[in-house]
Every structure is written in structure tokens, then in C-alpha cells.
Amino acid sequence: MTRIISSLAEVSAAYDALYCDLWGCLHNGRAPWPAAVAALKAFRATGGRVVLMTNAPRPNRFVEAQLDRMGVPRDAWDMIVSSGDAAQAGMFSGMVGRRVYHLGPEKDLGFFTEVPAEFAGAPTIERVPLEDAEGIVCTGPFDEMTETPEDYRATFLYAKAKGLKLLCTNPDIVVDYGDRRIYCAGALAALYEEMGGTSLYFGKPHPPIYDLARRRLAATGVEVESGRVLAVGDGFLTDILGGLAEGTDTLFVTGGLAAEDFGPDVEAPEPALLQPWLDARQISPTWAIGRLR
């Protein structure tokens, strides 16, 4: 049974590293939550490593710049591993061809221009119109503030007829931007699969992003056993399922995407509401907390 805790400090001594989600845990898309920042700083002060693990469809350098603009202090984390990082490896390996159609906003162009060092000598990836493409790279809707997956049904019918694979750089279905809920690349990839197309995933809950996190920790001289890692997140289908599949303990932040299901106080989920919600999904996170603190 999942135990509700009031602070990360209650259980942090059992872990050497955190795989901590961003949206819904550390920030709301516009500003960080001070209590979450303080919790991560306190964990690092005891020698723990904080890996910010995000399904953002951009290389980590762009995520870092976004966090800087929000005012997230650098001493709250050790490294950033993004879905964009893991998906880049798939793209530059040629998993959807070398001539690709980019489905996504211009803010994600760094996904194509920031070539990882290990692929510096790889053949060029060219962005082309859909009719000339060998595959699709999806970083989200063109206009995430107004569009829904249904806006792309005609595009996907054409892509499916051409037999194109879709590389999904962000498996999240939705995120909350301030008080607004917006669709992510995962929602588009799910629709494409529903229509009979093939989608490839690299972020949480899929293995590539966790493999990348382990490699990057090892590169700093840190080898962490799965049992000493805590996966923290508000995305039940991404953060929690991904952590469980990797053999790590999990901390479900109930005050994120599913906050309205657990009572009026976002900081204090009601056990009588939380446990049936978890039972219906037949999976139990190790811990639960209203907001990361």
C-alpha cells in the first residue's frame, strides 16, 4: 500500500539519487515552487544526486536555459536528462530516415540543430515537406495553446498511407501550463498509433531515457543501484510506471496532473480518495505526497 508522506526528507536517507520530473513537480511551466526547490537542495546537501528527468522534446541545454529564466537555482540539481536527448540519438541513428517532416513548434528547432557529439560525423538530417519525407519527428502540435490531436487526423491519414514512422520526442499526453492544460507530442503519437501508424518513443516511461541517465551518472563517477534511486513525478503513466519498470521506488506527486481527484487541499491528498484511485490502476507507488517539499 502506498504511504502518504509530508516531505521528501522523511524518506530521502534511503536514496542516493532522484529522477525528478519538472512540470507539475518542480515548476508549473511559469515559475518554480519554492518548497520543491528547497527539498532538492536539502537532498543534495546530504550527498544525493538530483537528475532532472523531463519529457521535454528539446536537448538539455535548452531545458537548462528555460529553468534559468524561471529562476530555478543551479544548486538544486546535478544534471538534466531530457526526452529530447534520448530521441535525438534515435533520429541521428536514422530510425525514421534522413529526410524528415518536423511536426512541432519553431521553439523546438534546437532538436535538429544541436547535434550530440557522438553523432557529429553522422549523415545530415534534413527537414523536408511531408510529401518528401521518409519519416516524421514530432515535438508537439504546431500551436500547443490552441490545437488538439484531432487537428492532425488528415495529416496522419496521409502519413500512414505513405508508411511513415513517427518519432515521438515527448511521450507526455498533456501538461499544465500555469492553469491551462495543453497537449504534448505523446497525444499526437497515440492518435497516430490508434489510426494504424507506427510511433517510436524515447522519454518516460520508455527505457532509452533511463539508460541515458545511468550512462551520464556513470560518466561522473557515480554508479547507483536501482534500489537506491527514487523516481519522482506527477505523471502516473510516465514518471510512476517508468520508475516501476526500472525497478526504482517511486514518489507520486498527487498535486500535479491529477490534483482534483484527491480532495480540496492540494497539499494533503485524502487517503480515502487516493487508495481507490491507485487500486483502480492496479499499481502502487512507494510513496505519495501532495506537492514536492
Protein backbone atom coordinates (compact mmCIF):
# COMPACT_ATOMS: atom_id res chain seq x y z
CA MET A 1 0.00 0.00 0.00
CA THR A 2 1.22 3.49 -0.85
CA ARG A 3 2.20 5.61 2.14
CA ILE A 4 1.47 9.33 2.11
CA ILE A 5 4.38 11.45 3.35
CA SER A 6 4.54 15.16 4.16
CA SER A 7 8.10 15.83 3.00
CA LEU A 8 10.88 14.27 0.94
CA ALA A 9 13.14 14.42 3.99
CA GLU A 10 11.06 11.69 5.66
CA VAL A 11 12.39 9.08 3.24
CA SER A 12 15.37 10.63 1.46
CA ALA A 13 18.03 8.84 3.52
CA ALA A 14 17.16 5.61 1.68
CA TYR A 15 18.21 7.02 -1.70
CA ASP A 16 21.38 8.14 -3.45
CA ALA A 17 19.73 9.72 -6.50
CA LEU A 18 16.43 11.22 -7.59
CA TYR A 19 14.95 11.06 -11.08
CA CYS A 20 12.81 14.16 -10.63
CA ASP A 21 10.19 15.35 -13.08
CA LEU A 22 9.88 19.07 -13.86
CA TRP A 23 6.37 20.16 -14.88
CA GLY A 24 3.97 19.54 -12.01
CA CYS A 25 6.77 18.80 -9.53
CA LEU A 26 9.45 21.47 -9.64
CA HIS A 27 7.51 24.14 -11.56
CA ASN A 28 4.15 24.85 -13.17
CA GLY A 29 5.51 25.91 -16.55
CA ARG A 30 5.88 29.52 -15.47
CA ALA A 31 7.59 29.56 -12.08
CA PRO A 32 9.23 27.12 -9.66
CA TRP A 33 7.63 26.10 -6.39
CA PRO A 34 9.96 27.31 -3.60
CA ALA A 35 9.25 24.29 -1.39
CA ALA A 36 10.23 21.91 -4.18
CA VAL A 37 13.46 23.81 -4.80
CA ALA A 38 14.25 23.67 -1.08
CA ALA A 39 13.59 19.91 -0.98
CA LEU A 40 16.01 19.24 -3.83
CA LYS A 41 18.68 21.46 -2.29
CA ALA A 42 18.33 19.62 1.01
CA PHE A 43 18.68 16.25 -0.71
CA ARG A 44 21.86 17.38 -2.46
CA ALA A 45 23.23 18.74 0.83
CA THR A 46 23.24 15.17 2.17
CA GLY A 47 25.27 13.94 -0.82
CA GLY A 48 22.37 12.84 -3.01
CA ARG A 49 22.35 13.42 -6.77
CA VAL A 50 19.40 15.12 -8.44
CA VAL A 51 18.76 14.15 -12.05
CA LEU A 52 16.07 16.36 -13.53
CA MET A 53 14.38 13.91 -15.89
CA THR A 54 11.94 15.54 -18.24
CA ASN A 55 9.92 14.57 -21.28
CA ALA A 56 10.71 17.96 -22.82
CA PRO A 57 11.34 17.42 -26.55
CA ARG A 58 14.46 19.59 -26.55
CA PRO A 59 18.13 18.88 -25.76
CA ASN A 60 19.05 19.52 -22.13
CA ARG A 61 20.83 22.80 -22.91
CA PHE A 62 17.51 24.38 -23.85
CA VAL A 63 15.80 22.97 -20.76
CA GLU A 64 18.57 24.41 -18.63
CA ALA A 65 18.09 27.85 -20.21
CA GLN A 66 14.34 27.65 -19.54
CA LEU A 67 14.94 26.80 -15.89
CA ASP A 68 17.36 29.72 -15.62
CA ARG A 69 14.71 32.08 -17.00
CA MET A 70 12.19 30.76 -14.45
CA GLY A 71 14.62 31.30 -11.61
CA VAL A 72 15.35 27.69 -10.69
CA PRO A 73 18.76 27.86 -8.94
CA ARG A 74 21.59 25.76 -10.35
CA ASP A 75 22.36 24.31 -6.93
CA ALA A 76 19.02 22.49 -6.87
CA TRP A 77 20.13 19.87 -9.39
CA ASP A 78 23.15 17.98 -10.75
CA MET A 79 22.17 17.16 -14.33
CA ILE A 80 19.29 17.29 -16.79
CA VAL A 81 18.27 14.35 -18.95
CA SER A 82 15.52 15.08 -21.46
CA SER A 83 13.35 13.03 -23.74
CA GLY A 84 14.81 15.25 -26.44
CA ASP A 85 18.31 13.98 -25.61
CA ALA A 86 17.24 10.33 -25.91
CA ALA A 87 15.13 10.92 -29.02
CA GLN A 88 17.98 12.76 -30.74
CA ALA A 89 20.05 9.60 -30.55
CA GLY A 90 17.23 7.76 -32.29
CA MET A 91 16.89 10.36 -35.01
CA PHE A 92 20.61 10.73 -35.74
CA SER A 93 20.83 6.93 -35.88
CA GLY A 94 18.42 7.07 -38.79
CA MET A 95 15.46 5.35 -37.15
CA VAL A 96 12.97 7.39 -39.22
CA GLY A 97 15.24 8.12 -42.17
CA ARG A 98 17.40 11.11 -43.02
CA ARG A 99 14.71 13.24 -44.69
CA VAL A 100 12.13 14.03 -42.01
CA TYR A 101 8.99 16.08 -41.60
CA HIS A 102 9.05 18.13 -38.39
CA LEU A 103 5.69 18.29 -36.68
CA GLY A 104 6.09 20.82 -33.90
CA PRO A 105 6.68 24.48 -32.99
CA GLU A 106 9.71 26.52 -34.01
CA LYS A 107 10.88 26.67 -30.38
CA ASP A 108 11.91 23.02 -30.78
CA LEU A 109 14.25 23.55 -33.74
CA GLY A 110 17.23 23.01 -31.43
CA PHE A 111 16.34 19.33 -31.58
CA PHE A 112 17.71 19.35 -35.13
CA THR A 113 20.49 21.91 -34.87
CA GLU A 114 22.16 20.81 -31.60
CA VAL A 115 23.93 17.68 -32.82
CA PRO A 116 25.21 15.44 -29.98
CA ALA A 117 28.99 14.95 -30.03
CA GLU A 118 28.66 11.22 -30.66
CA PHE A 119 26.76 11.93 -33.89
CA ALA A 120 28.90 14.79 -35.16
CA GLY A 121 30.05 12.69 -38.13
CA ALA A 122 26.67 11.13 -38.88
CA PRO A 123 24.87 11.83 -42.17
CA THR A 124 22.85 15.05 -42.11
CA ILE A 125 19.21 15.08 -41.08
CA GLU A 126 17.20 17.22 -43.49
CA ARG A 127 13.81 18.72 -42.66
CA VAL A 128 11.52 18.44 -45.67
CA PRO A 129 7.81 18.79 -46.53
CA LEU A 130 5.63 15.84 -45.61
CA GLU A 131 5.29 14.65 -49.20
CA ASP A 132 9.10 14.27 -49.46
CA ALA A 133 9.68 12.76 -46.01
CA GLU A 134 10.96 9.33 -45.04
CA GLY A 135 9.62 9.74 -41.52
CA ILE A 136 8.10 12.18 -39.03
CA VAL A 137 9.73 13.78 -35.99
CA CYS A 138 7.01 15.03 -33.65
CA THR A 139 7.89 17.50 -30.90
CA GLY A 140 4.28 18.58 -30.29
CA PRO A 141 1.47 20.49 -32.01
CA PHE A 142 2.43 23.48 -34.14
CA ASP A 143 0.33 25.64 -31.81
CA GLU A 144 0.14 23.92 -28.44
CA MET A 145 -2.09 26.62 -26.93
CA THR A 146 -4.97 26.09 -29.38
CA GLU A 147 -4.60 22.76 -31.21
CA THR A 148 -5.69 19.23 -30.29
CA PRO A 149 -4.65 15.85 -31.74
CA GLU A 150 -7.80 15.78 -33.87
CA ASP A 151 -6.42 18.70 -35.87
CA TYR A 152 -3.84 16.26 -37.30
CA ARG A 153 -6.09 13.40 -38.38
CA ALA A 154 -5.86 14.29 -42.09
CA THR A 155 -2.06 14.64 -41.85
CA PHE A 156 -1.80 11.24 -40.19
CA LEU A 157 -4.03 9.55 -42.75
CA TYR A 158 -1.64 10.72 -45.46
CA ALA A 159 1.45 9.73 -43.43
CA LYS A 160 0.04 6.29 -42.68
CA ALA A 161 -0.70 5.74 -46.38
CA LYS A 162 2.96 6.54 -47.08
CA GLY A 163 4.08 4.09 -44.38
CA LEU A 164 5.95 6.75 -42.39
CA LYS A 165 7.14 6.05 -38.84
CA LEU A 166 6.69 8.80 -36.25
CA LEU A 167 9.48 9.53 -33.78
CA CYS A 168 7.85 10.95 -30.63
CA THR A 169 10.22 13.21 -28.71
CA ASN A 170 7.88 13.66 -25.73
CA PRO A 171 5.58 10.81 -24.61
CA ASP A 172 3.57 13.09 -22.29
CA ILE A 173 -0.09 13.35 -23.26
CA VAL A 174 -0.80 16.67 -21.53
CA VAL A 175 0.92 19.11 -19.19
CA ASP A 176 -0.40 22.04 -17.18
CA TYR A 177 0.97 25.40 -18.28
CA GLY A 178 0.03 27.63 -15.36
CA ASP A 179 -3.72 27.00 -15.07
CA ARG A 180 -4.07 25.79 -18.67
CA ARG A 181 -3.82 22.18 -19.86
CA ILE A 182 -2.09 21.67 -23.23
CA TYR A 183 -1.45 18.67 -25.45
CA CYS A 184 2.03 17.22 -25.97
CA ALA A 185 3.67 15.10 -28.66
CA GLY A 186 2.58 11.92 -26.88
CA ALA A 187 -1.06 12.71 -27.58
CA LEU A 188 -0.32 13.05 -31.31
CA ALA A 189 1.74 9.85 -31.36
CA ALA A 190 -1.07 7.98 -29.59
CA LEU A 191 -3.58 9.12 -32.20
CA TYR A 192 -1.23 8.05 -35.00
CA GLU A 193 -0.97 4.58 -33.45
CA GLU A 194 -4.73 4.47 -32.97
CA MET A 195 -5.06 5.12 -36.70
CA GLY A 196 -2.71 2.24 -37.51
CA GLY A 197 0.58 4.15 -37.81
CA THR A 198 3.86 3.33 -36.04
CA SER A 199 5.16 5.61 -33.27
CA LEU A 200 8.57 5.31 -31.59
CA TYR A 201 9.03 6.62 -28.03
CA PHE A 202 12.18 7.69 -26.14
CA GLY A 203 11.06 9.51 -22.99
CA LYS A 204 9.40 8.28 -19.81
CA PRO A 205 8.17 5.57 -19.26
CA HIS A 206 10.30 4.00 -22.01
CA PRO A 207 13.82 2.61 -21.37
CA PRO A 208 16.02 4.92 -23.52
CA ILE A 209 15.79 7.93 -21.20
CA TYR A 210 16.66 5.83 -18.13
CA ASP A 211 19.58 4.21 -19.92
CA LEU A 212 20.86 7.67 -20.80
CA ALA A 213 20.53 8.86 -17.18
CA ARG A 214 22.55 5.90 -15.93
CA ARG A 215 25.27 6.49 -18.52
CA ARG A 216 25.53 10.17 -17.64
CA LEU A 217 25.70 9.45 -13.92
CA ALA A 218 28.38 6.83 -14.57
CA ALA A 219 30.35 9.37 -16.61
CA THR A 220 30.59 11.49 -13.45
CA GLY A 221 31.86 8.51 -11.49
CA VAL A 222 28.53 7.70 -9.85
CA GLU A 223 27.15 4.16 -10.09
CA VAL A 224 23.74 4.00 -8.44
CA GLU A 225 21.83 0.78 -7.89
CA SER A 226 18.17 0.85 -8.95
CA GLY A 227 17.10 0.20 -5.37
CA ARG A 228 18.79 3.43 -4.27
CA VAL A 229 17.01 5.60 -6.85
CA LEU A 230 13.69 7.38 -6.25
CA ALA A 231 11.62 8.38 -9.29
CA VAL A 232 9.57 11.50 -8.51
CA GLY A 233 6.69 12.70 -10.64
CA ASP A 234 3.05 13.61 -11.08
CA GLY A 235 2.61 11.67 -14.33
CA PHE A 236 1.22 8.28 -13.39
CA LEU A 237 1.59 6.84 -16.90
CA THR A 238 5.09 8.28 -17.37
CA ASP A 239 7.00 9.04 -14.16
CA ILE A 240 5.48 6.32 -11.97
CA LEU A 241 5.11 3.49 -14.47
CA GLY A 242 8.57 4.26 -15.83
CA GLY A 243 10.16 4.15 -12.38
CA LEU A 244 8.43 0.91 -11.52
CA ALA A 245 9.54 -0.69 -14.78
CA GLU A 246 13.14 0.31 -13.97
CA GLY A 247 12.97 -1.28 -10.53
CA THR A 248 13.17 2.01 -8.60
CA ASP A 249 11.00 3.26 -5.77
CA THR A 250 8.52 5.95 -6.77
CA LEU A 251 7.10 9.12 -5.23
CA PHE A 252 3.75 10.11 -6.73
CA VAL A 253 3.17 13.88 -6.56
CA THR A 254 -0.61 13.99 -6.34
CA GLY A 255 -0.86 17.78 -6.58
CA GLY A 256 0.03 17.80 -10.28
CA LEU A 257 -1.98 16.46 -13.21
CA ALA A 258 -4.46 14.50 -11.07
CA ALA A 259 -4.79 17.01 -8.21
CA GLU A 260 -8.56 17.39 -8.46
CA ASP A 261 -9.06 13.66 -7.76
CA PHE A 262 -7.67 13.69 -4.23
CA GLY A 263 -9.64 16.30 -2.30
CA PRO A 264 -9.76 20.09 -1.91
CA ASP A 265 -6.32 20.53 -0.32
CA VAL A 266 -3.68 20.05 -2.99
CA GLU A 267 -1.02 19.77 -0.30
CA ALA A 268 -2.78 16.93 1.53
CA PRO A 269 -4.28 14.13 -0.58
CA GLU A 270 -7.10 12.30 1.17
CA PRO A 271 -6.23 8.63 1.76
CA ALA A 272 -9.85 7.61 1.23
CA LEU A 273 -9.68 9.05 -2.29
CA LEU A 274 -6.09 8.20 -3.17
CA GLN A 275 -6.07 4.48 -2.41
CA PRO A 276 -9.14 3.58 -4.52
CA TRP A 277 -7.69 5.67 -7.35
CA LEU A 278 -4.46 3.68 -7.19
CA ASP A 279 -6.26 0.36 -6.77
CA ALA A 280 -8.26 1.00 -9.93
CA ARG A 281 -4.98 1.30 -11.82
CA GLN A 282 -3.55 -1.82 -10.13
CA ILE A 283 -0.20 -0.17 -9.41
CA SER A 284 1.12 1.19 -6.11
CA PRO A 285 3.78 3.89 -5.92
CA THR A 286 6.06 3.53 -2.93
CA TRP A 287 5.16 6.96 -1.58
CA ALA A 288 2.74 9.79 -2.31
CA ILE A 289 2.95 13.48 -1.48
CA GLY A 290 0.70 16.45 -2.22
CA ARG A 291 3.43 18.72 -3.55
CA LEU A 292 7.16 18.10 -3.58
CA ARG A 293 8.63 19.68 -0.46
